[in-house]
C-alpha atoms as a PDB file:
ATOM      1  CA  MET A   1     -16.503  -0.074 -41.794  1.00  0.00           C
ATOM      2  CA  LYS A   2     -14.194   1.019 -39.025  1.00  0.00           C
ATOM      3  CA  SER A   3     -16.015   3.946 -37.442  1.00  0.00           C
ATOM      4  CA  VAL A   4     -15.957   6.619 -34.763  1.00  0.00           C
ATOM      5  CA  VAL A   5     -19.229   7.697 -33.122  1.00  0.00           C
ATOM      6  CA  LEU A   6     -20.025  11.089 -31.610  1.00  0.00           C
ATOM      7  CA  LEU A   7     -21.463  10.069 -28.241  1.00  0.00           C
ATOM      8  CA  SER A   8     -22.783  12.878 -26.042  1.00  0.00           C
ATOM      9  CA  GLY A   9     -24.717  10.666 -23.632  1.00  0.00           C
ATOM     10  CA  GLY A  10     -28.143  11.838 -24.819  1.00  0.00           C
ATOM     11  CA  MET A  11     -30.977   9.682 -26.144  1.00  0.00           C
ATOM     12  CA  ASP A  12     -30.095  10.177 -29.792  1.00  0.00           C
ATOM     13  CA  SER A  13     -26.356   9.637 -29.614  1.00  0.00           C
ATOM     14  CA  VAL A  14     -26.619   6.605 -27.347  1.00  0.00           C
ATOM     15  CA  THR A  15     -29.112   5.026 -29.749  1.00  0.00           C
ATOM     16  CA  ALA A  16     -26.885   5.893 -32.721  1.00  0.00           C
ATOM     17  CA  PHE A  17     -23.884   4.382 -30.932  1.00  0.00           C
ATOM     18  CA  HIS A  18     -25.624   1.048 -30.512  1.00  0.00           C
ATOM     19  CA  GLU A  19     -27.148   1.236 -34.002  1.00  0.00           C
ATOM     20  CA  VAL A  20     -23.760   1.782 -35.637  1.00  0.00           C
ATOM     21  CA  ARG A  21     -22.213  -1.031 -33.609  1.00  0.00           C
ATOM     22  CA  ARG A  22     -24.631  -3.465 -35.250  1.00  0.00           C
ATOM     23  CA  GLY A  23     -23.198  -2.900 -38.716  1.00  0.00           C
ATOM     24  CA  HIS A  24     -19.739  -1.424 -38.215  1.00  0.00           C
ATOM     25  CA  GLU A  25     -16.616  -1.848 -36.129  1.00  0.00           C
ATOM     26  CA  VAL A  26     -16.629   1.084 -33.700  1.00  0.00           C
ATOM     27  CA  LEU A  27     -13.053   1.996 -32.876  1.00  0.00           C
ATOM     28  CA  ALA A  28     -13.868   4.847 -30.515  1.00  0.00           C
ATOM     29  CA  ALA A  29     -16.593   7.106 -29.140  1.00  0.00           C
ATOM     30  CA  LEU A  30     -16.019  10.836 -28.755  1.00  0.00           C
ATOM     31  CA  SER A  31     -17.619  13.294 -26.347  1.00  0.00           C
ATOM     32  CA  PHE A  32     -16.992  17.034 -26.304  1.00  0.00           C
ATOM     33  CA  ASP A  33     -16.906  19.135 -23.141  1.00  0.00           C
ATOM     34  CA  TYR A  34     -17.702  22.553 -24.582  1.00  0.00           C
ATOM     35  CA  GLY A  35     -19.062  24.268 -21.495  1.00  0.00           C
ATOM     36  CA  SER A  36     -22.749  23.478 -21.800  1.00  0.00           C
ATOM     37  CA  LYS A  37     -24.899  23.514 -18.692  1.00  0.00           C
ATOM     38  CA  HIS A  38     -25.597  19.803 -19.082  1.00  0.00           C
ATOM     39  CA  ASN A  39     -22.197  18.406 -20.173  1.00  0.00           C
ATOM     40  CA  ALA A  40     -21.509  17.153 -16.650  1.00  0.00           C
ATOM     41  CA  ARG A  41     -24.770  15.179 -16.657  1.00  0.00           C
ATOM     42  CA  GLU A  42     -24.439  13.770 -20.194  1.00  0.00           C
ATOM     43  CA  ILE A  43     -20.807  12.713 -20.411  1.00  0.00           C
ATOM     44  CA  PRO A  44     -20.909  10.099 -17.609  1.00  0.00           C
ATOM     45  CA  PHE A  45     -23.642   8.275 -19.546  1.00  0.00           C
ATOM     46  CA  ALA A  46     -21.475   8.366 -22.674  1.00  0.00           C
ATOM     47  CA  GLN A  47     -18.639   6.862 -20.644  1.00  0.00           C
ATOM     48  CA  LEU A  48     -20.981   4.217 -19.257  1.00  0.00           C
ATOM     49  CA  HIS A  49     -22.247   3.008 -22.636  1.00  0.00           C
ATOM     50  CA  ALA A  50     -18.802   3.003 -24.226  1.00  0.00           C
ATOM     51  CA  ALA A  51     -17.245   1.100 -21.320  1.00  0.00           C
ATOM     52  CA  ARG A  52     -20.047  -1.438 -21.266  1.00  0.00           C
ATOM     53  CA  ALA A  53     -19.519  -2.064 -24.999  1.00  0.00           C
ATOM     54  CA  GLY A  54     -15.751  -2.283 -24.610  1.00  0.00           C
ATOM     55  CA  VAL A  55     -15.224   0.745 -26.874  1.00  0.00           C
ATOM     56  CA  ALA A  56     -12.519   3.336 -26.224  1.00  0.00           C
ATOM     57  CA  HIS A  57     -13.988   6.668 -25.120  1.00  0.00           C
ATOM     58  CA  ARG A  58     -12.371  10.092 -25.350  1.00  0.00           C
ATOM     59  CA  VAL A  59     -13.555  13.416 -23.965  1.00  0.00           C
ATOM     60  CA  ILE A  60     -12.223  16.394 -25.941  1.00  0.00           C
ATOM     61  CA  ASP A  61     -12.081  19.728 -24.130  1.00  0.00           C
ATOM     62  CA  LEU A  62     -13.551  22.622 -26.128  1.00  0.00           C
ATOM     63  CA  GLY A  63     -13.566  25.141 -23.323  1.00  0.00           C
ATOM     64  CA  PHE A  64     -13.019  27.977 -25.779  1.00  0.00           C
ATOM     65  CA  VAL A  65     -16.633  27.582 -26.929  1.00  0.00           C
ATOM     66  CA  ASN A  66     -17.951  28.679 -23.536  1.00  0.00           C
ATOM     67  CA  ASP A  67     -15.423  31.512 -23.451  1.00  0.00           C
ATOM     68  CA  CYS A  68     -15.969  32.858 -26.966  1.00  0.00           C
ATOM     69  CA  PHE A  69     -19.477  31.925 -28.139  1.00  0.00           C
ATOM     70  CA  GLU A  70     -22.922  33.272 -27.261  1.00  0.00           C
ATOM     71  CA  SER A  71     -25.654  30.774 -26.360  1.00  0.00           C
ATOM     72  CA  ASP A  72     -27.985  30.191 -23.433  1.00  0.00           C
ATOM     73  CA  LEU A  73     -26.956  26.528 -23.557  1.00  0.00           C
ATOM     74  CA  LEU A  74     -23.512  27.496 -22.284  1.00  0.00           C
ATOM     75  CA  LYS A  75     -22.536  28.158 -18.701  1.00  0.00           C
ATOM     76  CA  ASN A  76     -21.826  31.789 -19.578  1.00  0.00           C
ATOM     77  CA  GLY A  77     -25.283  32.230 -21.133  1.00  0.00           C
ATOM     78  CA  GLY A  78     -28.720  33.103 -19.817  1.00  0.00           C
ATOM     79  CA  GLU A  79     -31.497  30.901 -18.487  1.00  0.00           C
ATOM     80  CA  ILE A  80     -32.593  27.865 -20.495  1.00  0.00           C
ATOM     81  CA  PRO A  81     -36.075  28.605 -21.886  1.00  0.00           C
ATOM     82  CA  ASP A  82     -39.102  26.424 -21.228  1.00  0.00           C
ATOM     83  CA  GLY A  83     -41.545  25.427 -23.944  1.00  0.00           C
ATOM     84  CA  HIS A  84     -41.785  23.177 -26.961  1.00  0.00           C
ATOM     85  CA  TYR A  85     -38.525  22.144 -28.597  1.00  0.00           C
ATOM     86  CA  ALA A  86     -39.593  23.584 -31.955  1.00  0.00           C
ATOM     87  CA  GLU A  87     -40.558  27.023 -30.603  1.00  0.00           C
ATOM     88  CA  ASP A  88     -38.649  30.063 -31.753  1.00  0.00           C
ATOM     89  CA  ASN A  89     -37.319  30.797 -28.273  1.00  0.00           C
ATOM     90  CA  MET A  90     -35.261  27.594 -28.372  1.00  0.00           C
ATOM     91  CA  LYS A  91     -32.975  29.306 -30.866  1.00  0.00           C
ATOM     92  CA  ARG A  92     -31.402  30.858 -27.782  1.00  0.00           C
ATOM     93  CA  THR A  93     -29.857  27.434 -27.086  1.00  0.00           C
ATOM     94  CA  VAL A  94     -28.137  27.162 -30.470  1.00  0.00           C
ATOM     95  CA  VAL A  95     -24.337  27.059 -30.126  1.00  0.00           C
ATOM     96  CA  PRO A  96     -23.068  28.583 -33.375  1.00  0.00           C
ATOM     97  CA  PHE A  97     -21.622  25.986 -35.752  1.00  0.00           C
ATOM     98  CA  ARG A  98     -21.262  23.455 -32.931  1.00  0.00           C
ATOM     99  CA  ASN A  99     -21.651  20.405 -35.145  1.00  0.00           C
ATOM    100  CA  GLY A 100     -19.300  21.836 -37.752  1.00  0.00           C
ATOM    101  CA  ILE A 101     -16.572  22.280 -35.134  1.00  0.00           C
ATOM    102  CA  MET A 102     -17.119  18.866 -33.580  1.00  0.00           C
ATOM    103  CA  LEU A 103     -17.286  17.047 -36.902  1.00  0.00           C
ATOM    104  CA  ALA A 104     -14.084  18.692 -38.121  1.00  0.00           C
ATOM    105  CA  ILE A 105     -12.191  17.627 -34.997  1.00  0.00           C
ATOM    106  CA  ALA A 106     -13.729  14.168 -34.983  1.00  0.00           C
ATOM    107  CA  CYS A 107     -12.913  13.703 -38.660  1.00  0.00           C
ATOM    108  CA  GLY A 108      -9.233  14.386 -38.024  1.00  0.00           C
ATOM    109  CA  PHE A 109      -9.319  12.037 -35.041  1.00  0.00           C
ATOM    110  CA  ALA A 110     -11.036   9.319 -37.090  1.00  0.00           C
ATOM    111  CA  GLU A 111      -8.410   9.430 -39.827  1.00  0.00           C
ATOM    112  CA  SER A 112      -5.636   9.462 -37.225  1.00  0.00           C
ATOM    113  CA  ILE A 113      -6.788   6.151 -35.700  1.00  0.00           C
ATOM    114  CA  GLY A 114      -7.440   4.403 -39.011  1.00  0.00           C
ATOM    115  CA  ALA A 115     -11.224   4.770 -39.156  1.00  0.00           C
ATOM    116  CA  GLU A 116     -13.159   4.998 -42.406  1.00  0.00           C
ATOM    117  CA  ALA A 117     -16.344   6.661 -41.147  1.00  0.00           C
ATOM    118  CA  LEU A 118     -17.734   9.005 -38.535  1.00  0.00           C
ATOM    119  CA  ALA A 119     -21.293   8.774 -37.182  1.00  0.00           C
ATOM    120  CA  ILE A 120     -23.514  11.533 -35.820  1.00  0.00           C
ATOM    121  CA  ALA A 121     -27.061  11.253 -34.413  1.00  0.00           C
ATOM    122  CA  ALA A 122     -28.573  14.355 -36.045  1.00  0.00           C
ATOM    123  CA  HIS A 123     -32.277  13.742 -36.634  1.00  0.00           C
ATOM    124  CA  ALA A 124     -35.293  15.306 -38.317  1.00  0.00           C
ATOM    125  CA  GLY A 125     -36.623  16.859 -35.102  1.00  0.00           C
ATOM    126  CA  ASP A 126     -33.508  19.038 -34.816  1.00  0.00           C
ATOM    127  CA  HIS A 127     -33.941  20.654 -38.207  1.00  0.00           C
ATOM    128  CA  ALA A 128     -36.378  23.380 -37.155  1.00  0.00           C
ATOM    129  CA  ILE A 129     -33.954  25.324 -34.991  1.00  0.00           C
ATOM    130  CA  TYR A 130     -30.469  23.926 -35.591  1.00  0.00           C
ATOM    131  CA  PRO A 131     -29.040  24.795 -39.031  1.00  0.00           C
ATOM    132  CA  ASP A 132     -26.016  22.551 -38.456  1.00  0.00           C
ATOM    133  CA  CYS A 133     -28.274  19.507 -38.010  1.00  0.00           C
ATOM    134  CA  ARG A 134     -30.024  19.820 -41.371  1.00  0.00           C
ATOM    135  CA  GLU A 135     -29.301  17.394 -44.174  1.00  0.00           C
ATOM    136  CA  THR A 136     -28.191  20.223 -46.463  1.00  0.00           C
ATOM    137  CA  PHE A 137     -25.454  21.038 -43.933  1.00  0.00           C
ATOM    138  CA  MET A 138     -24.613  17.365 -43.385  1.00  0.00           C
ATOM    139  CA  ARG A 139     -24.184  16.800 -47.123  1.00  0.00           C
ATOM    140  CA  GLY A 140     -21.756  19.709 -47.268  1.00  0.00           C
ATOM    141  CA  MET A 141     -19.775  18.419 -44.291  1.00  0.00           C
ATOM    142  CA  ALA A 142     -19.776  14.899 -45.726  1.00  0.00           C
ATOM    143  CA  ALA A 143     -18.315  16.186 -48.990  1.00  0.00           C
ATOM    144  CA  ALA A 144     -15.678  18.235 -47.135  1.00  0.00           C
ATOM    145  CA  MET A 145     -14.689  15.254 -44.989  1.00  0.00           C
ATOM    146  CA  GLU A 146     -14.284  12.969 -47.990  1.00  0.00           C
ATOM    147  CA  GLU A 147     -12.371  15.520 -50.021  1.00  0.00           C
ATOM    148  CA  GLY A 148     -10.241  16.657 -47.079  1.00  0.00           C
ATOM    149  CA  THR A 149      -8.918  13.276 -45.929  1.00  0.00           C
ATOM    150  CA  TYR A 150      -6.735  10.636 -47.568  1.00  0.00           C
ATOM    151  CA  ALA A 151      -9.035   8.020 -46.037  1.00  0.00           C
ATOM    152  CA  ARG A 152     -12.056   9.791 -47.576  1.00  0.00           C
ATOM    153  CA  ILE A 153     -13.872   9.613 -44.242  1.00  0.00           C
ATOM    154  CA  ARG A 154     -17.588   9.001 -44.700  1.00  0.00           C
ATOM    155  CA  LEU A 155     -20.213  10.747 -42.570  1.00  0.00           C
ATOM    156  CA  LEU A 156     -22.851   8.314 -41.287  1.00  0.00           C
ATOM    157  CA  ARG A 157     -26.149   9.864 -40.188  1.00  0.00           C
ATOM    158  CA  PRO A 158     -28.517   6.954 -39.572  1.00  0.00           C
ATOM    159  CA  PHE A 159     -31.312   9.068 -38.043  1.00  0.00           C
ATOM    160  CA  ILE A 160     -31.336  12.065 -40.387  1.00  0.00           C
ATOM    161  CA  ALA A 161     -34.837  11.203 -41.668  1.00  0.00           C
ATOM    162  CA  MET A 162     -36.196  10.030 -38.281  1.00  0.00           C
ATOM    163  CA  ASP A 163     -37.820  11.984 -35.479  1.00  0.00           C
ATOM    164  CA  LYS A 164     -37.330  11.552 -31.728  1.00  0.00           C
ATOM    165  CA  THR A 165     -40.338   9.239 -31.468  1.00  0.00           C
ATOM    166  CA  ALA A 166     -38.844   6.839 -33.995  1.00  0.00           C
ATOM    167  CA  ILE A 167     -35.494   7.003 -32.229  1.00  0.00           C
ATOM    168  CA  ALA A 168     -37.150   6.119 -28.912  1.00  0.00           C
ATOM    169  CA  ARG A 169     -38.774   3.090 -30.533  1.00  0.00           C
ATOM    170  CA  ARG A 170     -35.499   2.034 -32.128  1.00  0.00           C
ATOM    171  CA  GLY A 171     -33.647   2.400 -28.862  1.00  0.00           C
ATOM    172  CA  VAL A 172     -36.082   0.100 -27.097  1.00  0.00           C
ATOM    173  CA  GLU A 173     -35.669  -2.424 -29.926  1.00  0.00           C
ATOM    174  CA  LEU A 174     -31.914  -2.257 -29.330  1.00  0.00           C
ATOM    175  CA  GLY A 175     -32.409  -2.913 -25.618  1.00  0.00           C
ATOM    176  CA  ILE A 176     -31.343   0.532 -24.413  1.00  0.00           C
ATOM    177  CA  ASP A 177     -32.352   1.638 -20.927  1.00  0.00           C
ATOM    178  CA  PHE A 178     -33.106   5.296 -21.557  1.00  0.00           C
ATOM    179  CA  ALA A 179     -32.831   6.003 -17.835  1.00  0.00           C
ATOM    180  CA  GLU A 180     -29.100   5.812 -18.631  1.00  0.00           C
ATOM    181  CA  THR A 181     -29.233   8.854 -20.924  1.00  0.00           C
ATOM    182  CA  TRP A 182     -29.563  12.581 -20.319  1.00  0.00           C
ATOM    183  CA  SER A 183     -31.567  15.266 -22.147  1.00  0.00           C
ATOM    184  CA  CYS A 184     -32.304  18.237 -19.861  1.00  0.00           C
ATOM    185  CA  TYR A 185     -30.462  21.372 -20.967  1.00  0.00           C
ATOM    186  CA  LYS A 186     -30.657  22.847 -17.474  1.00  0.00           C
ATOM    187  CA  GLY A 187     -28.309  20.173 -16.156  1.00  0.00           C
ATOM    188  CA  GLY A 188     -29.766  19.804 -12.659  1.00  0.00           C
ATOM    189  CA  GLU A 189     -29.791  16.746 -10.455  1.00  0.00           C
ATOM    190  CA  ILE A 190     -32.895  15.442 -12.252  1.00  0.00           C
ATOM    191  CA  HIS A 191     -34.597  16.351 -15.521  1.00  0.00           C
ATOM    192  CA  CYS A 192     -36.626  19.549 -15.128  1.00  0.00           C
ATOM    193  CA  GLY A 193     -39.493  18.306 -17.349  1.00  0.00           C
ATOM    194  CA  THR A 194     -40.243  21.752 -18.814  1.00  0.00           C
ATOM    195  CA  CYS A 195     -37.298  22.874 -20.961  1.00  0.00           C
ATOM    196  CA  GLY A 196     -37.411  22.206 -24.686  1.00  0.00           C
ATOM    197  CA  THR A 197     -35.336  19.034 -24.566  1.00  0.00           C
ATOM    198  CA  CYS A 198     -37.326  17.605 -21.653  1.00  0.00           C
ATOM    199  CA  VAL A 199     -40.560  18.388 -23.505  1.00  0.00           C
ATOM    200  CA  GLU A 200     -39.199  16.665 -26.612  1.00  0.00           C
ATOM    201  CA  ARG A 201     -38.149  13.647 -24.535  1.00  0.00           C
ATOM    202  CA  ARG A 202     -41.520  13.362 -22.782  1.00  0.00           C
ATOM    203  CA  GLU A 203     -43.357  13.787 -26.077  1.00  0.00           C
ATOM    204  CA  ALA A 204     -41.251  11.114 -27.801  1.00  0.00           C
ATOM    205  CA  PHE A 205     -42.098   8.433 -25.242  1.00  0.00           C
ATOM    206  CA  LEU A 206     -45.753   9.429 -25.218  1.00  0.00           C
ATOM    207  CA  LEU A 207     -46.123   9.330 -29.012  1.00  0.00           C
ATOM    208  CA  ALA A 208     -44.151   6.084 -29.212  1.00  0.00           C
ATOM    209  CA  GLY A 209     -46.455   4.454 -26.675  1.00  0.00           C
ATOM    210  CA  LEU A 210     -43.481   3.626 -24.456  1.00  0.00           C
ATOM    211  CA  LYS A 211     -42.994   3.890 -20.708  1.00  0.00           C
ATOM    212  CA  ASP A 212     -40.792   6.860 -19.907  1.00  0.00           C
ATOM    213  CA  PRO A 213     -38.177   5.798 -17.326  1.00  0.00           C
ATOM    214  CA  THR A 214     -37.107   9.399 -16.651  1.00  0.00           C
ATOM    215  CA  ILE A 215     -37.594  11.115 -13.294  1.00  0.00           C
ATOM    216  CA  TYR A 216     -38.742  14.717 -13.832  1.00  0.00           C
ATOM    217  CA  ARG A 217     -39.029  17.570 -11.389  1.00  0.00           C
ATOM    218  CA  ALA A 218     -42.333  18.571 -12.982  1.00  0.00           C
ATOM    219  CA  THR A 219     -44.625  17.104 -15.639  1.00  0.00           C
ATOM    220  CA  PRO A 220     -47.154  19.792 -16.607  1.00  0.00           C
ATOM    221  CA  GLU A 221     -49.323  19.350 -19.664  1.00  0.00           C
ATOM    222  CA  LEU A 222     -47.132  19.183 -22.744  1.00  0.00           C
ATOM    223  CA  PRO A 223     -47.180  22.359 -24.842  1.00  0.00           C
ATOM    224  CA  THR A 224     -48.558  22.136 -28.370  1.00  0.00           C
ATOM    225  CA  ALA A 225     -45.995  22.070 -31.150  1.00  0.00           C
ATOM    226  CA  PRO A 226     -45.932  25.350 -33.098  1.00  0.00           C
END
């Protein structure tokens, strides 16, 4: 199918981008600049992977999210918490209905360029704290996208039953250099190694038995999952 892929530049979306390319014709990759602390670190990697694959890449400005929404992930929010990705304090990084907003925009874009499907890298590890990553939400969005478009745009979610460890393994199988992806929510010059997304990244490589190519500012003992 002719498809559009949501490509943030993180581990999951980069792996999904290359996964979808194996079975579908990817017409375009979309990134969203919504004012997160790490957008400036992620998006260049999205651009890199799209350009290398010869796929058109668009960055859509959602600056209103930073202006109007409350989340510590955003530039207008508080400090990014440290700890395990699944801990309750990581709820402070939830951007309300982020995936719903992005999928709605991307769906309209996909139909406008003649695509038949839209792919997102939501995975099982996200479910604990992000309601708009859960399969119940994705099924609802998938139904809305099909019913709300003449093209009956399908929502592809290849990793919805996989965790980060499985995605890391799949990415290596696809030949991805994960040094060319970004996870850290703090958005510094290098990965901090202690925020929830860095902990999840470190844990994924460890559990997968893979060498982690990431440079971290600190690598303390990994916290236990709650």
